[in-house]
Amino acid sequence: MSILSRCLLTALLFCATLSPAAAQDIEIRLHGSNTLGSQLGPELLEAYARSKGFVGASRQTTAPEEYRIEGRNASGQRFVGLVKAHGTNTGYADLVSGAADIWMASRPAKASEIEQASAIGDLGAVEQEHVVALDGLALIVHPDNPVDTITVSTARAMFTGAINDWSQVGGRPGVITRYGRDDKSGTFDSFKAMILSDGSSLAGNTQRFESSEALERAVAADPGAIGFVGFSYVSGSKLLAVNEGATLPLKPDRMTVATEDYLLARRLFFYASNSANEQTRRFLDFVHSRDGQAVVDKVGFVAQNIFVGNSQPLAGQPDDYYDMVAEASRLSLNLRFRPRSSTLDSRALRDLDRLREFMADPGNRGMQLRLAAFGVPEGNSSKVMTLLTINDRVDHVSQMLAAKGIPIHRSRIIVGGANVAPTDKPETRERNERVELWLVAPKRPAAATREG
């Protein structure tokens, strides 16, 4: 065989190895919430592309609130990530129609949306509902402001202009100046959902900012100011503790947002079809991984990787609760349930896998896990019926943990303890139906003493 023939044969064999099946392009389309799509969605796509060897992945803004992440790997395969962040509702429509692979949502899917999307599966199922990150909205004032605590309803009145002087909320007399993010901000989406939940609007004289950093600096310099930012942006201003009704006032930090004890904490979601392709599923697996959650942390949201917190137990609990947690440290998660069910919700089910990895860490082996399960009587339900429901939940959680090799050392059931959300609405009442997890080192046997 001539040299030319050998070269031609080698070239043909090389091309055969690059068949469409072997070098199929990867395309993942994320549509929906600006809260997720303005930064986190593109960052996750870039990080995923790099993890798969697409070292040249880069981002372009192709239109307002639209991004394209593109790169190639060593074999010539192309990665394309497309983000369209025009609002939660647009993402839902695109997922149902097939125009998007993933719906980015800054709220959980509504019951009506789940029903209407039955052709693509059950959006409430763990395989299709993915909690991506946790968000904590911070209400901030000047560091010298004597006001320490604010209710959601008072904050709403201040930002809409119904309250205009600090003396009306226990502060020094003085005009309230309002600072807010602009309409394109995901933080403003959070504010509307959690503070302006009645559909009201910001007062017309609110000063608006494109940047959270600039807003935070302005509040820190203005004695009459009140503003809102993601809690990770707070540096020179003062955080207010937030409550509503009979809930305890809490400030946002990594722990109170991760456990969702903080009243203005919320979940951010990705939703996918039950027929999602393999590349979409692999991307979602990456989002849940330690590396994916590290991206969540870098962007400024609260990640779901488990850590040991240094927070104190909430006040207002029965004495034996404090006895149980006295020597324990709290973990950064609460297990919660699907509405009116003893079945864990989608976040909790994935948290069990995170907990298995956490407990398998060499530094945690041999540590003991304790559960504190909370319930709130509903309507005319008796305390006994509520106890039975919580007991079923504790049994369910214990069995699932045991199946993952995590034994429970001790548990406590609490009815009517301190609430973390108002109980007057079903959607907030359900946040009180929770299981706290506490970690404690086993006690060592006392050393034997020798007599005589």
Protein backbone atom coordinates (compact mmCIF):
# COMPACT_ATOMS: atom_id res chain seq x y z
CA MET A 1 0.00 0.00 0.00
CA SER A 2 1.36 3.40 -1.01
CA ILE A 3 2.00 6.20 1.50
CA LEU A 4 -0.86 8.18 -0.07
CA SER A 5 -3.25 5.26 0.33
CA ARG A 6 -2.25 4.80 3.94
CA CYS A 7 -2.88 8.48 4.64
CA LEU A 8 -6.30 8.34 3.00
CA LEU A 9 -7.23 5.24 4.99
CA THR A 10 -6.12 6.86 8.25
CA ALA A 11 -8.17 9.96 7.50
CA LEU A 12 -11.28 7.88 6.74
CA LEU A 13 -10.90 5.90 9.97
CA PHE A 14 -10.51 9.13 11.96
CA CYS A 15 -13.62 10.64 10.44
CA ALA A 16 -15.55 7.48 11.20
CA THR A 17 -14.76 7.91 14.89
CA LEU A 18 -16.42 11.34 14.73
CA SER A 19 -19.83 10.04 13.74
CA PRO A 20 -22.88 12.15 14.71
CA ALA A 21 -23.68 9.69 17.50
CA ALA A 22 -20.16 9.96 19.00
CA ALA A 23 -19.88 13.75 18.76
CA GLN A 24 -23.48 14.83 19.13
CA ASP A 25 -23.82 18.46 20.19
CA ILE A 26 -25.21 19.20 23.66
CA GLU A 27 -27.92 21.84 23.96
CA ILE A 28 -29.68 22.78 27.20
CA ARG A 29 -32.37 25.50 27.25
CA LEU A 30 -33.28 27.30 30.50
CA HIS A 31 -36.32 29.61 30.37
CA GLY A 32 -38.14 31.56 33.07
CA SER A 33 -37.31 33.48 36.23
CA ASN A 34 -34.98 36.47 36.10
CA THR A 35 -34.06 35.76 39.72
CA LEU A 36 -32.41 32.55 38.54
CA GLY A 37 -31.68 33.40 34.93
CA SER A 38 -29.84 36.70 35.29
CA GLN A 39 -26.76 35.11 36.86
CA LEU A 40 -27.17 31.68 38.44
CA GLY A 41 -28.51 29.89 35.35
CA PRO A 42 -25.64 31.02 33.09
CA GLU A 43 -23.06 30.35 35.82
CA LEU A 44 -24.34 26.80 36.30
CA LEU A 45 -24.28 26.11 32.56
CA GLU A 46 -20.71 27.43 32.31
CA ALA A 47 -19.55 25.36 35.28
CA TYR A 48 -21.26 22.24 33.91
CA ALA A 49 -19.66 22.76 30.49
CA ARG A 50 -16.21 23.10 32.08
CA SER A 51 -16.79 19.95 34.16
CA LYS A 52 -17.43 18.05 30.92
CA GLY A 53 -14.27 19.26 29.24
CA PHE A 54 -15.63 22.24 27.31
CA VAL A 55 -12.77 24.42 28.47
CA GLY A 56 -13.50 27.20 25.99
CA ALA A 57 -17.07 27.78 27.15
CA SER A 58 -17.95 31.49 27.08
CA ARG A 59 -21.08 33.58 27.56
CA GLN A 60 -22.69 36.12 25.27
CA THR A 61 -25.69 38.37 25.86
CA THR A 62 -27.85 37.84 22.78
CA ALA A 63 -30.83 40.01 23.79
CA PRO A 64 -32.14 41.66 26.98
CA GLU A 65 -32.27 38.90 29.65
CA GLU A 66 -31.05 36.28 27.14
CA TYR A 67 -27.66 34.52 27.16
CA ARG A 68 -25.81 31.97 25.08
CA ILE A 69 -23.05 29.81 26.57
CA GLU A 70 -21.02 28.02 23.91
CA GLY A 71 -17.86 25.94 23.78
CA ARG A 72 -16.18 22.95 22.18
CA ASN A 73 -14.20 20.09 23.64
CA ALA A 74 -11.07 18.39 22.33
CA SER A 75 -13.04 16.07 20.05
CA GLY A 76 -14.90 18.93 18.39
CA GLN A 77 -18.21 18.36 20.18
CA ARG A 78 -20.13 21.60 20.77
CA PHE A 79 -21.92 22.66 23.96
CA VAL A 80 -24.70 25.25 23.76
CA GLY A 81 -26.54 26.58 26.79
CA LEU A 82 -29.42 28.98 26.15
CA VAL A 83 -30.98 31.13 28.87
CA LYS A 84 -34.13 33.22 28.42
CA ALA A 85 -34.97 34.98 31.69
CA HIS A 86 -38.25 36.75 30.91
CA GLY A 87 -40.18 35.68 34.01
CA THR A 88 -41.40 32.58 35.78
CA ASN A 89 -44.67 32.37 33.85
CA THR A 90 -42.95 32.42 30.45
CA GLY A 91 -40.73 29.52 31.47
CA TYR A 92 -43.72 27.40 32.44
CA ALA A 93 -45.36 27.92 29.05
CA ASP A 94 -42.12 27.08 27.23
CA LEU A 95 -41.55 23.88 29.22
CA VAL A 96 -45.08 22.66 28.50
CA SER A 97 -44.79 23.48 24.80
CA GLY A 98 -41.34 21.89 24.49
CA ALA A 99 -39.57 25.17 23.73
CA ALA A 100 -37.48 24.81 26.94
CA ASP A 101 -35.73 21.89 28.62
CA ILE A 102 -35.88 23.46 32.08
CA TRP A 103 -38.34 25.91 33.63
CA MET A 104 -36.65 28.32 36.04
CA ALA A 105 -39.17 29.32 38.73
CA SER A 106 -38.85 31.69 41.69
CA ARG A 107 -41.87 30.00 43.31
CA PRO A 108 -43.22 26.45 43.48
CA ALA A 109 -45.49 25.23 40.70
CA LYS A 110 -49.14 25.95 41.45
CA ALA A 111 -51.63 23.09 41.76
CA SER A 112 -53.38 24.35 38.62
CA GLU A 113 -50.08 24.38 36.71
CA ILE A 114 -49.27 20.85 37.80
CA GLU A 115 -52.68 19.67 36.64
CA GLN A 116 -52.48 21.49 33.31
CA ALA A 117 -48.98 20.08 32.66
CA SER A 118 -49.98 16.44 33.20
CA ALA A 119 -48.95 15.62 29.62
CA ILE A 120 -45.30 16.08 30.67
CA GLY A 121 -45.64 14.21 33.98
CA ASP A 122 -46.06 15.37 37.57
CA LEU A 123 -44.21 18.63 38.19
CA GLY A 124 -44.50 18.03 41.93
CA ALA A 125 -42.60 14.72 41.74
CA VAL A 126 -39.01 14.58 42.95
CA GLU A 127 -37.82 13.53 39.48
CA GLN A 128 -39.20 16.74 37.97
CA GLU A 129 -39.10 19.36 40.77
CA HIS A 130 -35.60 20.49 41.69
CA VAL A 131 -34.85 22.97 44.48
CA VAL A 132 -31.78 24.74 43.13
CA ALA A 133 -31.02 27.35 45.79
CA LEU A 134 -32.40 29.24 48.76
CA ASP A 135 -32.85 32.98 48.87
CA GLY A 136 -33.05 35.33 51.85
CA LEU A 137 -34.40 38.84 51.41
CA ALA A 138 -32.88 41.32 53.89
CA LEU A 139 -34.58 44.48 55.13
CA ILE A 140 -31.87 47.02 56.01
CA VAL A 141 -31.59 50.43 57.69
CA HIS A 142 -28.87 52.88 58.76
CA PRO A 143 -26.61 51.35 61.48
CA ASP A 144 -27.67 54.02 64.02
CA ASN A 145 -31.40 53.41 63.55
CA PRO A 146 -32.83 52.21 66.92
CA VAL A 147 -35.47 50.01 65.25
CA ASP A 148 -34.40 46.35 65.47
CA THR A 149 -37.50 44.38 64.42
CA ILE A 150 -40.16 44.80 61.76
CA THR A 151 -43.21 42.82 60.74
CA VAL A 152 -43.95 42.01 57.11
CA SER A 153 -47.16 44.03 57.21
CA THR A 154 -45.33 47.06 58.65
CA ALA A 155 -42.61 46.77 56.00
CA ARG A 156 -45.32 46.67 53.32
CA ALA A 157 -46.91 49.85 54.74
CA MET A 158 -43.54 51.62 54.83
CA PHE A 159 -42.55 50.72 51.27
CA THR A 160 -45.96 51.56 49.79
CA GLY A 161 -46.15 54.96 51.52
CA ALA A 162 -48.87 54.19 54.08
CA ILE A 163 -46.27 54.85 56.82
CA ASN A 164 -43.94 57.81 56.19
CA ASP A 165 -42.26 58.65 59.52
CA TRP A 166 -39.99 56.51 61.69
CA SER A 167 -41.86 57.62 64.83
CA GLN A 168 -44.82 55.54 63.59
CA VAL A 169 -42.77 52.33 63.99
CA GLY A 170 -40.95 53.11 67.24
CA GLY A 171 -38.02 55.00 65.78
CA ARG A 172 -36.85 58.59 66.12
CA PRO A 173 -39.03 61.19 64.38
CA GLY A 174 -37.91 61.62 60.80
CA VAL A 175 -39.05 61.07 57.24
CA ILE A 176 -38.60 57.54 55.88
CA THR A 177 -36.57 57.37 52.68
CA ARG A 178 -37.08 54.24 50.60
CA TYR A 179 -34.51 52.38 48.54
CA GLY A 180 -35.28 49.50 46.20
CA ARG A 181 -33.85 47.46 43.35
CA ASP A 182 -35.03 48.15 39.80
CA ASP A 183 -37.82 46.27 38.06
CA LYS A 184 -35.40 43.98 36.19
CA SER A 185 -33.85 42.70 39.40
CA GLY A 186 -34.44 39.21 40.69
CA THR A 187 -34.22 40.68 44.18
CA PHE A 188 -37.20 42.87 43.36
CA ASP A 189 -39.06 39.73 42.23
CA SER A 190 -38.39 38.28 45.68
CA PHE A 191 -39.55 41.52 47.34
CA LYS A 192 -42.80 41.56 45.39
CA ALA A 193 -43.51 37.93 46.24
CA MET A 194 -42.77 38.20 49.95
CA ILE A 195 -43.52 41.81 50.95
CA LEU A 196 -45.89 43.16 48.29
CA SER A 197 -47.78 39.88 48.29
CA ASP A 198 -51.15 41.68 48.21
CA GLY A 199 -50.36 43.16 44.79
CA SER A 200 -49.54 46.64 46.11
CA SER A 201 -46.80 48.81 44.57
CA LEU A 202 -43.73 50.64 45.79
CA ALA A 203 -44.24 54.29 46.69
CA GLY A 204 -43.46 56.55 43.75
CA ASN A 205 -40.61 58.33 45.54
CA THR A 206 -38.64 55.10 46.14
CA GLN A 207 -35.07 55.47 44.91
CA ARG A 208 -34.29 52.56 42.57
CA PHE A 209 -30.90 50.92 42.02
CA GLU A 210 -29.53 48.55 39.41
CA SER A 211 -26.85 47.37 41.85
CA SER A 212 -27.38 45.76 45.27
CA GLU A 213 -23.96 47.01 46.37
CA ALA A 214 -24.85 50.62 45.51
CA LEU A 215 -28.23 50.34 47.25
CA GLU A 216 -26.63 48.91 50.41
CA ARG A 217 -24.06 51.73 50.52
CA ALA A 218 -26.80 54.34 50.08
CA VAL A 219 -28.82 52.91 52.98
CA ALA A 220 -25.71 52.76 55.20
CA ALA A 221 -25.17 56.49 54.57
CA ASP A 222 -28.77 57.71 55.10
CA PRO A 223 -30.15 57.86 58.69
CA GLY A 224 -33.73 57.85 57.37
CA ALA A 225 -33.32 54.94 54.98
CA ILE A 226 -34.96 51.56 54.64
CA GLY A 227 -34.09 49.23 51.77
CA PHE A 228 -33.96 45.62 50.68
CA VAL A 229 -31.17 43.45 49.23
CA GLY A 230 -30.13 39.82 49.18
CA PHE A 231 -28.72 39.21 52.66
CA SER A 232 -25.25 38.34 51.34
CA TYR A 233 -24.80 41.98 50.22
CA VAL A 234 -25.12 43.47 53.72
CA SER A 235 -21.91 45.08 54.97
CA GLY A 236 -22.24 48.59 56.42
CA SER A 237 -26.00 48.73 56.98
CA LYS A 238 -28.06 47.18 59.77
CA LEU A 239 -30.17 44.05 59.33
CA LEU A 240 -33.68 44.07 60.76
CA ALA A 241 -35.17 40.99 62.38
CA VAL A 242 -38.44 40.08 60.66
CA ASN A 243 -41.60 38.44 61.98
CA GLU A 244 -45.36 38.37 61.43
CA GLY A 245 -48.14 37.39 63.80
CA ALA A 246 -46.93 35.09 66.55
CA THR A 247 -43.67 34.12 64.83
CA LEU A 248 -40.33 34.87 66.43
CA PRO A 249 -38.28 37.76 64.98
CA LEU A 250 -35.25 36.40 63.12
CA LYS A 251 -32.48 37.95 61.06
CA PRO A 252 -31.30 36.33 57.84
CA ASP A 253 -28.02 34.45 57.82
CA ARG A 254 -26.79 31.26 56.17
CA MET A 255 -28.35 29.13 58.89
CA THR A 256 -31.79 30.72 59.16
CA VAL A 257 -32.13 30.79 55.37
CA ALA A 258 -30.85 27.22 54.89
CA THR A 259 -33.31 25.88 57.47
CA GLU A 260 -36.04 28.22 56.15
CA ASP A 261 -36.70 29.40 59.70
CA TYR A 262 -36.26 32.99 58.46
CA LEU A 263 -39.65 34.28 57.38
CA LEU A 264 -38.35 35.85 54.14
CA ALA A 265 -36.49 32.75 52.99
CA ARG A 266 -37.74 31.06 49.86
CA ARG A 267 -36.88 28.24 47.50
CA LEU A 268 -35.82 28.67 43.89
CA PHE A 269 -36.67 25.89 41.45
CA PHE A 270 -35.83 24.13 38.21
CA TYR A 271 -38.61 22.00 36.67
CA ALA A 272 -38.19 19.47 33.86
CA SER A 273 -40.41 17.18 31.81
CA ASN A 274 -40.63 13.48 32.68
CA SER A 275 -39.24 12.86 29.18
CA ALA A 276 -36.22 15.14 29.65
CA ASN A 277 -33.24 14.00 27.59
CA GLU A 278 -30.13 12.48 29.12
CA GLN A 279 -28.08 15.67 28.86
CA THR A 280 -30.71 17.65 30.76
CA ARG A 281 -30.81 15.00 33.48
CA ARG A 282 -27.03 15.03 33.79
CA PHE A 283 -27.06 18.81 34.10
CA LEU A 284 -29.66 18.61 36.88
CA ASP A 285 -27.52 16.00 38.67
CA PHE A 286 -24.63 18.47 38.48
CA VAL A 287 -26.80 21.26 39.93
CA HIS A 288 -27.51 19.07 42.99
CA SER A 289 -23.88 18.03 43.40
CA ARG A 290 -21.37 19.66 45.75
CA ASP A 291 -19.74 21.42 42.79
CA GLY A 292 -23.08 22.70 41.50
CA GLN A 293 -24.08 23.97 44.91
CA ALA A 294 -20.69 25.67 45.23
CA VAL A 295 -21.74 27.76 42.21
CA VAL A 296 -24.98 28.64 44.03
CA ASP A 297 -22.93 29.84 47.00
CA LYS A 298 -20.57 31.86 44.80
CA VAL A 299 -23.44 33.69 43.10
CA GLY A 300 -24.81 34.79 46.50
CA PHE A 301 -27.73 32.48 47.13
CA VAL A 302 -27.70 29.90 49.95
CA ALA A 303 -26.53 26.48 48.84
CA GLN A 304 -27.89 23.18 50.14
CA ASN A 305 -24.59 21.52 51.10
CA ILE A 306 -25.06 20.56 54.77
CA PHE A 307 -23.05 22.28 57.50
CA VAL A 308 -23.12 22.47 61.30
CA GLY A 309 -24.54 25.76 62.52
CA ASN A 310 -23.76 27.70 65.69
CA SER A 311 -27.28 29.08 66.15
CA GLN A 312 -29.14 28.87 69.43
CA PRO A 313 -32.44 26.94 69.72
CA LEU A 314 -35.53 29.04 69.08
CA ALA A 315 -37.23 30.38 72.18
CA GLY A 316 -40.73 29.30 73.17
CA GLN A 317 -40.27 25.52 73.05
CA PRO A 318 -41.11 23.02 75.84
CA ASP A 319 -38.42 22.25 78.42
CA ASP A 320 -37.71 18.70 77.24
CA TYR A 321 -36.88 20.05 73.79
CA TYR A 322 -34.04 22.07 75.31
CA ASP A 323 -32.94 19.03 77.29
CA MET A 324 -32.64 17.06 74.05
CA VAL A 325 -30.62 19.67 72.16
CA ALA A 326 -28.56 20.99 75.07
CA GLU A 327 -25.34 19.22 74.03
CA ALA A 328 -26.11 19.04 70.31
CA SER A 329 -25.33 21.20 67.29
CA ARG A 330 -27.96 21.95 64.69
CA LEU A 331 -27.60 20.92 61.07
CA SER A 332 -28.42 23.34 58.26
CA LEU A 333 -31.64 21.74 57.08
CA ASN A 334 -35.21 21.14 58.12
CA LEU A 335 -37.06 18.22 56.59
CA ARG A 336 -40.48 19.25 55.33
CA PHE A 337 -43.41 17.37 53.83
CA ARG A 338 -45.74 17.52 50.90
CA PRO A 339 -49.00 19.29 51.83
CA ARG A 340 -51.27 17.24 54.10
CA SER A 341 -48.96 14.25 53.83
CA SER A 342 -46.33 12.27 55.70
CA THR A 343 -44.32 12.06 52.45
CA LEU A 344 -41.19 14.18 52.33
CA ASP A 345 -41.11 16.95 49.74
CA SER A 346 -38.62 17.08 46.88
CA ARG A 347 -35.97 19.09 48.74
CA ALA A 348 -36.11 16.81 51.78
CA LEU A 349 -35.75 13.66 49.69
CA ARG A 350 -32.54 14.98 48.16
CA ASP A 351 -31.39 16.26 51.55
CA LEU A 352 -31.47 12.66 52.78
CA ASP A 353 -28.81 11.79 50.22
CA ARG A 354 -26.80 14.86 51.23
CA LEU A 355 -27.17 13.79 54.86
CA ARG A 356 -25.86 10.30 54.07
CA GLU A 357 -22.75 11.85 52.49
CA PHE A 358 -22.38 14.25 55.43
CA MET A 359 -22.61 11.48 58.04
CA ALA A 360 -20.13 9.35 56.06
CA ASP A 361 -17.51 12.09 56.27
CA PRO A 362 -14.63 10.91 58.51
CA GLY A 363 -15.17 13.80 60.90
CA ASN A 364 -18.82 12.84 61.46
CA ARG A 365 -18.60 9.07 61.73
CA GLY A 366 -19.93 7.85 65.05
CA MET A 367 -21.87 11.06 65.70
CA GLN A 368 -25.49 10.67 66.79
CA LEU A 369 -28.50 12.22 65.09
CA ARG A 370 -31.52 13.59 66.96
CA LEU A 371 -34.85 14.71 65.52
CA ALA A 372 -37.25 17.40 66.71
CA ALA A 373 -40.56 17.13 64.83
CA PHE A 374 -43.04 20.02 64.89
CA GLY A 375 -46.74 20.18 64.10
CA VAL A 376 -49.55 22.72 64.37
CA PRO A 377 -53.19 21.72 65.07
CA GLU A 378 -55.38 22.69 62.14
CA GLY A 379 -58.92 23.97 62.58
CA ASN A 380 -60.82 21.69 64.95
CA SER A 381 -58.15 18.98 64.93
CA SER A 382 -57.33 17.75 68.40
CA LYS A 383 -53.84 17.69 69.83
CA VAL A 384 -54.02 13.89 69.86
CA MET A 385 -54.71 13.77 66.10
CA THR A 386 -51.83 16.15 65.47
CA LEU A 387 -49.56 13.99 67.61
CA LEU A 388 -50.53 10.92 65.60
CA THR A 389 -49.75 12.74 62.34
CA ILE A 390 -46.34 13.90 63.58
CA ASN A 391 -45.60 10.41 64.91
CA ASP A 392 -46.30 8.98 61.46
CA ARG A 393 -43.90 11.51 59.98
CA VAL A 394 -41.16 10.70 62.48
CA ASP A 395 -41.55 6.98 61.75
CA HIS A 396 -41.41 7.68 58.01
CA VAL A 397 -38.27 9.81 58.34
CA SER A 398 -36.60 7.30 60.67
CA GLN A 399 -37.27 4.43 58.28
CA MET A 400 -35.89 6.35 55.31
CA LEU A 401 -32.78 7.37 57.25
CA ALA A 402 -32.25 3.80 58.46
CA ALA A 403 -32.48 2.59 54.85
CA LYS A 404 -29.56 4.92 54.09
CA GLY A 405 -27.57 3.63 57.05
CA ILE A 406 -28.31 6.58 59.34
CA PRO A 407 -29.72 5.51 62.72
CA ILE A 408 -31.69 7.93 64.90
CA HIS A 409 -30.45 8.26 68.45
CA ARG A 410 -33.42 10.19 69.86
CA SER A 411 -36.53 12.06 68.70
CA ARG A 412 -38.99 14.50 70.21
CA ILE A 413 -42.50 15.43 69.01
CA ILE A 414 -43.67 19.00 69.62
CA VAL A 415 -47.18 20.35 69.12
CA GLY A 416 -47.78 24.08 69.44
CA GLY A 417 -44.16 25.12 69.92
CA ALA A 418 -42.56 28.20 68.41
CA ASN A 419 -43.76 28.84 64.87
CA VAL A 420 -41.52 30.03 62.06
CA ALA A 421 -44.41 31.21 59.82
CA PRO A 422 -47.97 32.49 60.36
CA THR A 423 -50.66 29.83 60.72
CA ASP A 424 -53.57 31.76 59.20
CA LYS A 425 -52.90 30.60 55.62
CA PRO A 426 -52.30 27.04 54.38
CA GLU A 427 -49.18 28.01 52.37
CA THR A 428 -47.50 29.54 55.43
CA ARG A 429 -48.90 27.08 57.99
CA GLU A 430 -47.15 24.24 56.16
CA ARG A 431 -43.73 25.77 56.83
CA ASN A 432 -44.22 24.97 60.52
CA GLU A 433 -44.63 21.25 59.74
CA ARG A 434 -40.94 20.46 59.97
CA VAL A 435 -38.27 18.18 61.41
CA GLU A 436 -35.11 19.74 62.82
CA LEU A 437 -31.89 17.69 62.82
CA TRP A 438 -29.33 17.91 65.60
CA LEU A 439 -25.89 16.29 65.83
CA VAL A 440 -24.30 15.17 69.09
CA ALA A 441 -21.13 13.33 70.02
CA PRO A 442 -21.81 10.06 71.87
CA LYS A 443 -21.01 10.09 75.55
CA ARG A 444 -17.98 8.08 76.51
CA PRO A 445 -18.30 5.64 79.43
CA ALA A 446 -16.89 7.01 82.66
CA ALA A 447 -13.47 5.62 83.47
CA ALA A 448 -13.53 2.89 86.11
CA THR A 449 -12.03 3.80 89.49
CA ARG A 450 -9.95 1.39 91.58
CA GLU A 451 -10.75 1.02 95.27
CA GLY A 452 -8.29 0.22 98.04
